[in-house]
């Protein structure tokens, strides 16, 4: 496996872990990849139902993304919006 393939595999693993953690914390949300805004490695949209507090979800998404950035070295941005 070359360096590019290994990087892509590691990014995919980081994103999968992030999605899993988000769904574990907030089972009723939906997630989907979107085009990165600037220099992020990956951007994930998180749609929340009306009963969830947007700020609470956003803070948890940021916390998990930063933890994974420390672990994998990738910048993953989450965009939380009402679904």
Protein backbone atom coordinates (compact mmCIF):
# COMPACT_ATOMS: atom_id res chain seq x y z
CA UNK A 1 0.00 0.00 0.00
CA UNK A 2 1.48 3.35 -0.98
CA UNK A 3 1.51 6.49 1.18
CA UNK A 4 -1.58 8.04 -0.49
CA UNK A 5 -3.61 4.86 -0.04
CA UNK A 6 -2.54 4.60 3.61
CA UNK A 7 -3.51 8.24 4.24
CA UNK A 8 -6.92 7.68 2.62
CA UNK A 9 -7.46 4.53 4.68
CA UNK A 10 -6.54 6.36 7.90
CA UNK A 11 -8.87 9.26 7.02
CA UNK A 12 -11.70 6.83 6.30
CA UNK A 13 -11.10 5.16 9.67
CA UNK A 14 -11.12 8.51 11.48
CA UNK A 15 -14.37 9.55 9.78
CA UNK A 16 -16.00 6.20 10.55
CA UNK A 17 -15.07 6.53 14.21
CA UNK A 18 -16.41 10.11 14.30
CA UNK A 19 -19.73 9.08 12.74
CA UNK A 20 -20.02 6.18 15.17
CA UNK A 21 -19.35 8.41 18.18
CA UNK A 22 -21.83 11.04 17.00
CA UNK A 23 -24.54 8.41 16.51
CA UNK A 24 -23.74 6.86 19.88
CA UNK A 25 -24.25 10.24 21.58
CA UNK A 26 -27.19 11.35 19.42
CA UNK A 27 -28.94 8.36 17.77
CA UNK A 28 -31.55 10.44 15.93
CA UNK A 29 -29.14 12.55 13.86
CA UNK A 30 -28.19 11.94 10.25
CA UNK A 31 -24.72 12.47 8.83
CA UNK A 32 -23.36 12.90 5.34
CA UNK A 33 -20.09 14.07 3.79
CA UNK A 34 -20.05 17.51 2.18
CA UNK A 35 -17.40 19.44 0.28
CA UNK A 36 -14.70 20.82 2.57
CA UNK A 37 -14.92 24.56 3.20
CA UNK A 38 -11.23 25.43 3.08
CA UNK A 39 -8.26 23.35 4.15
CA UNK A 40 -10.02 20.61 6.13
CA UNK A 41 -9.31 17.02 5.25
CA UNK A 42 -13.00 16.16 5.55
CA UNK A 43 -16.28 17.93 6.29
CA UNK A 44 -19.27 16.13 7.78
CA UNK A 45 -22.79 17.54 7.92
CA UNK A 46 -24.78 16.54 11.00
CA UNK A 47 -28.54 17.12 10.74
CA UNK A 48 -30.37 17.18 14.04
CA UNK A 49 -34.07 16.88 14.84
CA UNK A 50 -35.84 19.81 16.45
CA UNK A 51 -35.79 18.45 19.99
CA UNK A 52 -31.98 18.41 20.22
CA UNK A 53 -30.04 21.46 21.35
CA UNK A 54 -27.80 22.53 18.46
CA UNK A 55 -25.07 23.91 20.70
CA UNK A 56 -24.85 20.69 22.73
CA UNK A 57 -24.50 18.60 19.57
CA UNK A 58 -22.02 21.04 18.06
CA UNK A 59 -19.83 21.00 21.18
CA UNK A 60 -19.77 17.20 21.26
CA UNK A 61 -18.95 17.01 17.53
CA UNK A 62 -16.08 19.46 18.00
CA UNK A 63 -14.79 17.54 21.02
CA UNK A 64 -14.80 14.24 19.11
CA UNK A 65 -13.27 15.78 15.96
CA UNK A 66 -10.42 17.32 17.99
CA UNK A 67 -9.79 14.01 19.75
CA UNK A 68 -9.53 12.26 16.40
CA UNK A 69 -7.32 15.02 15.01
CA UNK A 70 -4.91 14.36 17.87
CA UNK A 71 -5.06 10.62 17.21
CA UNK A 72 -4.94 10.57 13.39
CA UNK A 73 -3.66 14.01 12.38
CA UNK A 74 -6.62 14.89 10.15
CA UNK A 75 -8.69 18.05 10.33
CA UNK A 76 -12.37 17.05 10.26
CA UNK A 77 -14.98 19.79 10.36
CA UNK A 78 -18.55 19.12 11.43
CA UNK A 79 -21.40 21.36 10.35
CA UNK A 80 -24.43 20.96 12.60
CA UNK A 81 -27.80 22.10 11.29
CA UNK A 82 -31.47 21.43 11.85
CA UNK A 83 -32.84 18.63 9.72
